[in-house]
Amino acid sequence: MMRPIAAVVVAVALTASGCMNAGFDEANRVPQNDGANANVGGTLSLRNIFLLGGADSASHPPQQALYGVIVNDAQRPDQLERVTMEGGGTVQLTGQPLTLPPDYAVGTGNKPIGTASGVRGNVVPMTFTFRDAEPVRLMVPVKARTGHFANLPTAPAGPPSSAPPATAPPSPGTTGQGTASPGPTATTTG
């Protein structure tokens, strides 16, 4: 009776060590999406929205880059007109307003979509207001500038590209640990 159990234990151990050696070490995997997420009115998808803090999570720099991807699934363009923070502070978008072309993802390629000042806490309630879609409130996490966040730019170098590409971009991931508070027509994913 012990031989089949021992054989299973050996097979599991060999499989696990094979996965570790093949590069499937889950402890060192870069998360695909650890920001806030929401769907707005069936036309806009907000994915991986987060603020980039300093290396020490206990003290925040005066300005923090706002990262995230916004996908417009509508057949016509929309605009992100402003982002407001509860409890004070301001957000300056890289484009005022930020253009959201149809069938296109804005905010890709490690480019921040804005800069926030006056951030307090490690999770910030923020409201994203659009020209055509309903506003959506998100609980945006502040990520420490460590690990895979260490090399991200601290401030936008210019507006994120809003010109549609020649081919359709890949769909953003919908997994994540962020949370969103739904508005009247928003749904959350995560």
C-alpha atoms as a PDB file:
ATOM      1  CA  MET A   1       0.000   0.000   0.000  1.00  0.00           C
ATOM      2  CA  MET A   2       2.892   2.397   0.663  1.00  0.00           C
ATOM      3  CA  ARG A   3       4.430   1.997  -2.803  1.00  0.00           C
ATOM      4  CA  PRO A   4       1.619   3.756  -4.751  1.00  0.00           C
ATOM      5  CA  ILE A   5       1.611   6.649  -2.264  1.00  0.00           C
ATOM      6  CA  ALA A   6       5.398   6.956  -2.447  1.00  0.00           C
ATOM      7  CA  ALA A   7       5.233   6.915  -6.246  1.00  0.00           C
ATOM      8  CA  VAL A   8       2.661   9.740  -6.235  1.00  0.00           C
ATOM      9  CA  VAL A   9       4.790  11.809  -3.818  1.00  0.00           C
ATOM     10  CA  VAL A  10       7.875  11.350  -6.012  1.00  0.00           C
ATOM     11  CA  ALA A  11       5.907  12.252  -9.182  1.00  0.00           C
ATOM     12  CA  VAL A  12       4.485  15.420  -7.575  1.00  0.00           C
ATOM     13  CA  ALA A  13       7.938  16.458  -6.308  1.00  0.00           C
ATOM     14  CA  LEU A  14       9.509  15.935  -9.736  1.00  0.00           C
ATOM     15  CA  THR A  15       6.704  17.846 -11.452  1.00  0.00           C
ATOM     16  CA  ALA A  16       6.990  20.755  -9.034  1.00  0.00           C
ATOM     17  CA  SER A  17      10.763  20.975  -9.401  1.00  0.00           C
ATOM     18  CA  GLY A  18      10.403  20.747 -13.187  1.00  0.00           C
ATOM     19  CA  CYS A  19       8.005  23.710 -13.188  1.00  0.00           C
ATOM     20  CA  MET A  20      10.367  25.714 -11.024  1.00  0.00           C
ATOM     21  CA  ASN A  21      13.271  24.989 -13.366  1.00  0.00           C
ATOM     22  CA  ALA A  22      11.187  25.781 -16.459  1.00  0.00           C
ATOM     23  CA  GLY A  23      10.582  29.342 -15.291  1.00  0.00           C
ATOM     24  CA  PHE A  24       7.174  28.862 -13.703  1.00  0.00           C
ATOM     25  CA  ASP A  25       8.201  30.059 -10.248  1.00  0.00           C
ATOM     26  CA  GLU A  26       4.995  31.759  -9.065  1.00  0.00           C
ATOM     27  CA  ALA A  27       6.767  33.680  -6.283  1.00  0.00           C
ATOM     28  CA  ASN A  28       8.802  35.673  -8.809  1.00  0.00           C
ATOM     29  CA  ARG A  29       6.045  36.197 -11.378  1.00  0.00           C
ATOM     30  CA  VAL A  30       5.267  39.829 -12.277  1.00  0.00           C
ATOM     31  CA  PRO A  31       1.568  40.521 -11.615  1.00  0.00           C
ATOM     32  CA  GLN A  32      -0.491  41.197 -14.711  1.00  0.00           C
ATOM     33  CA  ASN A  33      -2.878  43.600 -13.010  1.00  0.00           C
ATOM     34  CA  ASP A  34      -2.712  44.796  -9.443  1.00  0.00           C
ATOM     35  CA  GLY A  35      -4.570  48.105  -9.748  1.00  0.00           C
ATOM     36  CA  ALA A  36      -8.239  49.094  -9.732  1.00  0.00           C
ATOM     37  CA  ASN A  37     -10.588  47.985 -12.530  1.00  0.00           C
ATOM     38  CA  ALA A  38     -14.063  48.936 -13.767  1.00  0.00           C
ATOM     39  CA  ASN A  39     -16.346  48.747 -16.793  1.00  0.00           C
ATOM     40  CA  VAL A  40     -18.346  51.888 -17.569  1.00  0.00           C
ATOM     41  CA  GLY A  41     -21.634  51.706 -19.452  1.00  0.00           C
ATOM     42  CA  GLY A  42     -20.517  48.778 -21.601  1.00  0.00           C
ATOM     43  CA  THR A  43     -18.239  51.039 -23.669  1.00  0.00           C
ATOM     44  CA  LEU A  44     -15.196  51.861 -21.510  1.00  0.00           C
ATOM     45  CA  SER A  45     -12.899  49.514 -19.611  1.00  0.00           C
ATOM     46  CA  LEU A  46     -10.518  50.886 -16.960  1.00  0.00           C
ATOM     47  CA  ARG A  47      -7.746  48.439 -16.127  1.00  0.00           C
ATOM     48  CA  ASN A  48      -4.845  48.377 -13.675  1.00  0.00           C
ATOM     49  CA  ILE A  49      -5.311  51.943 -12.379  1.00  0.00           C
ATOM     50  CA  PHE A  50      -2.683  52.750  -9.708  1.00  0.00           C
ATOM     51  CA  LEU A  51      -0.530  55.568  -8.332  1.00  0.00           C
ATOM     52  CA  LEU A  52       3.249  55.164  -8.159  1.00  0.00           C
ATOM     53  CA  GLY A  53       4.548  56.246  -4.767  1.00  0.00           C
ATOM     54  CA  GLY A  54       8.078  56.338  -3.407  1.00  0.00           C
ATOM     55  CA  ALA A  55      10.350  53.482  -2.401  1.00  0.00           C
ATOM     56  CA  ASP A  56       9.148  53.886   1.207  1.00  0.00           C
ATOM     57  CA  SER A  57       5.406  53.235   1.428  1.00  0.00           C
ATOM     58  CA  ALA A  58       5.233  55.228   4.691  1.00  0.00           C
ATOM     59  CA  SER A  59       6.086  58.572   3.036  1.00  0.00           C
ATOM     60  CA  HIS A  60       4.643  59.803  -0.255  1.00  0.00           C
ATOM     61  CA  PRO A  61       6.520  62.000  -2.753  1.00  0.00           C
ATOM     62  CA  PRO A  62       4.909  65.391  -3.556  1.00  0.00           C
ATOM     63  CA  GLN A  63       3.800  64.105  -6.984  1.00  0.00           C
ATOM     64  CA  GLN A  64       2.880  60.594  -8.026  1.00  0.00           C
ATOM     65  CA  ALA A  65       2.400  59.208 -11.522  1.00  0.00           C
ATOM     66  CA  LEU A  66      -1.094  57.886 -12.296  1.00  0.00           C
ATOM     67  CA  TYR A  67      -0.946  54.711 -14.367  1.00  0.00           C
ATOM     68  CA  GLY A  68      -3.721  52.776 -16.044  1.00  0.00           C
ATOM     69  CA  VAL A  69      -5.170  51.602 -19.318  1.00  0.00           C
ATOM     70  CA  ILE A  70      -8.502  52.874 -20.639  1.00  0.00           C
ATOM     71  CA  VAL A  71     -10.066  50.992 -23.533  1.00  0.00           C
ATOM     72  CA  ASN A  72     -12.866  52.577 -25.553  1.00  0.00           C
ATOM     73  CA  ASP A  73     -14.995  49.788 -27.071  1.00  0.00           C
ATOM     74  CA  ALA A  74     -17.506  52.252 -28.545  1.00  0.00           C
ATOM     75  CA  GLN A  75     -17.720  53.123 -32.231  1.00  0.00           C
ATOM     76  CA  ARG A  76     -17.060  56.830 -31.522  1.00  0.00           C
ATOM     77  CA  PRO A  77     -14.348  58.655 -29.555  1.00  0.00           C
ATOM     78  CA  ASP A  78     -14.807  59.729 -25.949  1.00  0.00           C
ATOM     79  CA  GLN A  79     -12.695  61.823 -23.589  1.00  0.00           C
ATOM     80  CA  LEU A  80     -11.488  61.497 -20.021  1.00  0.00           C
ATOM     81  CA  GLU A  81     -12.198  65.069 -18.929  1.00  0.00           C
ATOM     82  CA  ARG A  82     -10.856  64.940 -15.376  1.00  0.00           C
ATOM     83  CA  VAL A  83      -9.938  62.791 -12.408  1.00  0.00           C
ATOM     84  CA  THR A  84     -10.707  64.020  -8.895  1.00  0.00           C
ATOM     85  CA  MET A  85      -9.458  62.710  -5.557  1.00  0.00           C
ATOM     86  CA  GLU A  86     -11.531  62.615  -2.390  1.00  0.00           C
ATOM     87  CA  GLY A  87      -9.936  64.246   0.644  1.00  0.00           C
ATOM     88  CA  GLY A  88      -8.032  66.914  -1.270  1.00  0.00           C
ATOM     89  CA  GLY A  89      -5.274  66.713  -3.790  1.00  0.00           C
ATOM     90  CA  THR A  90      -5.311  67.236  -7.531  1.00  0.00           C
ATOM     91  CA  VAL A  91      -4.774  65.206 -10.684  1.00  0.00           C
ATOM     92  CA  GLN A  92      -3.288  66.659 -13.868  1.00  0.00           C
ATOM     93  CA  LEU A  93      -3.930  64.482 -16.915  1.00  0.00           C
ATOM     94  CA  THR A  94      -1.296  64.228 -19.659  1.00  0.00           C
ATOM     95  CA  GLY A  95      -3.908  65.558 -22.078  1.00  0.00           C
ATOM     96  CA  GLN A  96      -6.664  67.845 -20.836  1.00  0.00           C
ATOM     97  CA  PRO A  97      -8.997  66.213 -21.823  1.00  0.00           C
ATOM     98  CA  LEU A  98      -7.422  62.850 -22.593  1.00  0.00           C
ATOM     99  CA  THR A  99      -8.715  61.594 -25.968  1.00  0.00           C
ATOM    100  CA  LEU A 100     -10.037  58.015 -26.071  1.00  0.00           C
ATOM    101  CA  PRO A 101     -10.262  56.877 -29.728  1.00  0.00           C
ATOM    102  CA  PRO A 102     -12.694  54.059 -30.604  1.00  0.00           C
ATOM    103  CA  ASP A 103     -11.382  50.490 -30.387  1.00  0.00           C
ATOM    104  CA  TYR A 104      -8.110  51.610 -28.841  1.00  0.00           C
ATOM    105  CA  ALA A 105      -6.269  51.315 -25.510  1.00  0.00           C
ATOM    106  CA  VAL A 106      -4.814  54.536 -24.029  1.00  0.00           C
ATOM    107  CA  GLY A 107      -2.152  54.303 -21.317  1.00  0.00           C
ATOM    108  CA  THR A 108      -0.166  51.311 -22.527  1.00  0.00           C
ATOM    109  CA  GLY A 109       3.617  51.007 -22.673  1.00  0.00           C
ATOM    110  CA  ASN A 110       4.584  52.139 -19.148  1.00  0.00           C
ATOM    111  CA  LYS A 111       3.425  55.697 -19.834  1.00  0.00           C
ATOM    112  CA  PRO A 112       1.511  57.439 -17.031  1.00  0.00           C
ATOM    113  CA  ILE A 113      -1.823  59.021 -17.904  1.00  0.00           C
ATOM    114  CA  GLY A 114      -1.396  61.804 -15.353  1.00  0.00           C
ATOM    115  CA  THR A 115       0.214  63.119 -12.169  1.00  0.00           C
ATOM    116  CA  ALA A 116      -1.387  63.359  -8.719  1.00  0.00           C
ATOM    117  CA  SER A 117      -0.425  65.793  -5.954  1.00  0.00           C
ATOM    118  CA  GLY A 118      -1.554  65.759  -2.315  1.00  0.00           C
ATOM    119  CA  VAL A 119      -2.045  61.979  -2.090  1.00  0.00           C
ATOM    120  CA  ARG A 120      -2.883  60.711   1.404  1.00  0.00           C
ATOM    121  CA  GLY A 121      -2.961  57.038   2.318  1.00  0.00           C
ATOM    122  CA  ASN A 122      -2.239  53.827   0.471  1.00  0.00           C
ATOM    123  CA  VAL A 123      -5.638  53.638  -1.260  1.00  0.00           C
ATOM    124  CA  VAL A 124      -7.141  56.781  -2.785  1.00  0.00           C
ATOM    125  CA  PRO A 125     -10.811  57.212  -3.786  1.00  0.00           C
ATOM    126  CA  MET A 126     -10.768  58.766  -7.281  1.00  0.00           C
ATOM    127  CA  THR A 127     -13.578  59.661  -9.665  1.00  0.00           C
ATOM    128  CA  PHE A 128     -12.982  59.450 -13.418  1.00  0.00           C
ATOM    129  CA  THR A 129     -15.267  61.794 -15.382  1.00  0.00           C
ATOM    130  CA  PHE A 130     -15.851  61.274 -19.116  1.00  0.00           C
ATOM    131  CA  ARG A 131     -17.460  63.406 -21.803  1.00  0.00           C
ATOM    132  CA  ASP A 132     -20.024  60.769 -22.865  1.00  0.00           C
ATOM    133  CA  ALA A 133     -19.871  57.909 -20.340  1.00  0.00           C
ATOM    134  CA  GLU A 134     -21.035  58.055 -16.728  1.00  0.00           C
ATOM    135  CA  PRO A 135     -18.429  58.924 -14.061  1.00  0.00           C
ATOM    136  CA  VAL A 136     -16.899  56.018 -12.164  1.00  0.00           C
ATOM    137  CA  ARG A 137     -15.398  55.966  -8.657  1.00  0.00           C
ATOM    138  CA  LEU A 138     -12.396  53.704  -8.046  1.00  0.00           C
ATOM    139  CA  MET A 139     -10.374  52.837  -4.969  1.00  0.00           C
ATOM    140  CA  VAL A 140      -6.920  53.383  -6.496  1.00  0.00           C
ATOM    141  CA  PRO A 141      -3.967  51.701  -4.749  1.00  0.00           C
ATOM    142  CA  VAL A 142      -0.617  53.445  -4.232  1.00  0.00           C
ATOM    143  CA  LYS A 143       2.235  51.123  -5.227  1.00  0.00           C
ATOM    144  CA  ALA A 144       5.720  51.461  -3.729  1.00  0.00           C
ATOM    145  CA  ARG A 145       8.567  52.102  -6.180  1.00  0.00           C
ATOM    146  CA  THR A 146      10.098  48.664  -5.630  1.00  0.00           C
ATOM    147  CA  GLY A 147      10.299  45.400  -7.544  1.00  0.00           C
ATOM    148  CA  HIS A 148       8.748  45.594 -11.011  1.00  0.00           C
ATOM    149  CA  PHE A 149       7.556  49.177 -10.266  1.00  0.00           C
ATOM    150  CA  ALA A 150      11.117  50.449  -9.623  1.00  0.00           C
ATOM    151  CA  ASN A 151      11.887  51.430 -13.231  1.00  0.00           C
ATOM    152  CA  LEU A 152       8.596  53.089 -14.179  1.00  0.00           C
ATOM    153  CA  PRO A 153       8.766  56.817 -15.013  1.00  0.00           C
ATOM    154  CA  THR A 154       7.767  59.108 -12.138  1.00  0.00           C
ATOM    155  CA  ALA A 155       6.064  61.687 -14.352  1.00  0.00           C
ATOM    156  CA  PRO A 156       4.584  61.764 -17.846  1.00  0.00           C
ATOM    157  CA  ALA A 157       7.019  62.778 -20.585  1.00  0.00           C
ATOM    158  CA  GLY A 158       4.057  63.914 -22.676  1.00  0.00           C
ATOM    159  CA  PRO A 159       0.564  62.810 -23.533  1.00  0.00           C
ATOM    160  CA  PRO A 160       0.072  59.093 -24.055  1.00  0.00           C
ATOM    161  CA  SER A 161      -0.438  58.183 -27.666  1.00  0.00           C
ATOM    162  CA  SER A 162      -4.064  58.497 -28.649  1.00  0.00           C
ATOM    163  CA  ALA A 163      -3.668  57.878 -32.379  1.00  0.00           C
ATOM    164  CA  PRO A 164      -5.235  54.534 -33.309  1.00  0.00           C
ATOM    165  CA  PRO A 165      -2.719  51.861 -34.341  1.00  0.00           C
ATOM    166  CA  ALA A 166      -2.748  50.215 -37.770  1.00  0.00           C
ATOM    167  CA  THR A 167      -3.882  46.953 -36.140  1.00  0.00           C
ATOM    168  CA  ALA A 168      -6.122  46.393 -33.157  1.00  0.00           C
ATOM    169  CA  PRO A 169      -4.296  46.132 -29.817  1.00  0.00           C
ATOM    170  CA  PRO A 170      -4.611  42.998 -27.694  1.00  0.00           C
ATOM    171  CA  SER A 171      -7.381  43.005 -25.132  1.00  0.00           C
ATOM    172  CA  PRO A 172      -6.211  43.966 -21.629  1.00  0.00           C
ATOM    173  CA  GLY A 173      -6.250  41.369 -18.864  1.00  0.00           C
ATOM    174  CA  THR A 174      -9.188  41.409 -16.513  1.00  0.00           C
ATOM    175  CA  THR A 175      -7.578  39.830 -13.498  1.00  0.00           C
ATOM    176  CA  GLY A 176      -6.411  41.851 -10.557  1.00  0.00           C
ATOM    177  CA  GLN A 177      -6.526  42.712  -6.938  1.00  0.00           C
ATOM    178  CA  GLY A 178      -7.874  46.250  -7.288  1.00  0.00           C
ATOM    179  CA  THR A 179     -11.371  47.178  -6.331  1.00  0.00           C
ATOM    180  CA  ALA A 180     -13.833  49.533  -7.830  1.00  0.00           C
ATOM    181  CA  SER A 181     -16.932  51.149  -6.453  1.00  0.00           C
ATOM    182  CA  PRO A 182     -19.570  51.048  -9.156  1.00  0.00           C
ATOM    183  CA  GLY A 183     -21.398  54.149 -10.272  1.00  0.00           C
ATOM    184  CA  PRO A 184     -24.851  54.126 -11.830  1.00  0.00           C
ATOM    185  CA  THR A 185     -23.718  52.291 -14.981  1.00  0.00           C
ATOM    186  CA  ALA A 186     -20.333  50.925 -13.919  1.00  0.00           C
ATOM    187  CA  THR A 187     -19.554  47.322 -13.119  1.00  0.00           C
ATOM    188  CA  THR A 188     -16.401  46.059 -11.480  1.00  0.00           C
ATOM    189  CA  THR A 189     -14.127  43.237 -12.433  1.00  0.00           C
ATOM    190  CA  GLY A 190     -11.268  41.676 -10.629  1.00  0.00           C
END
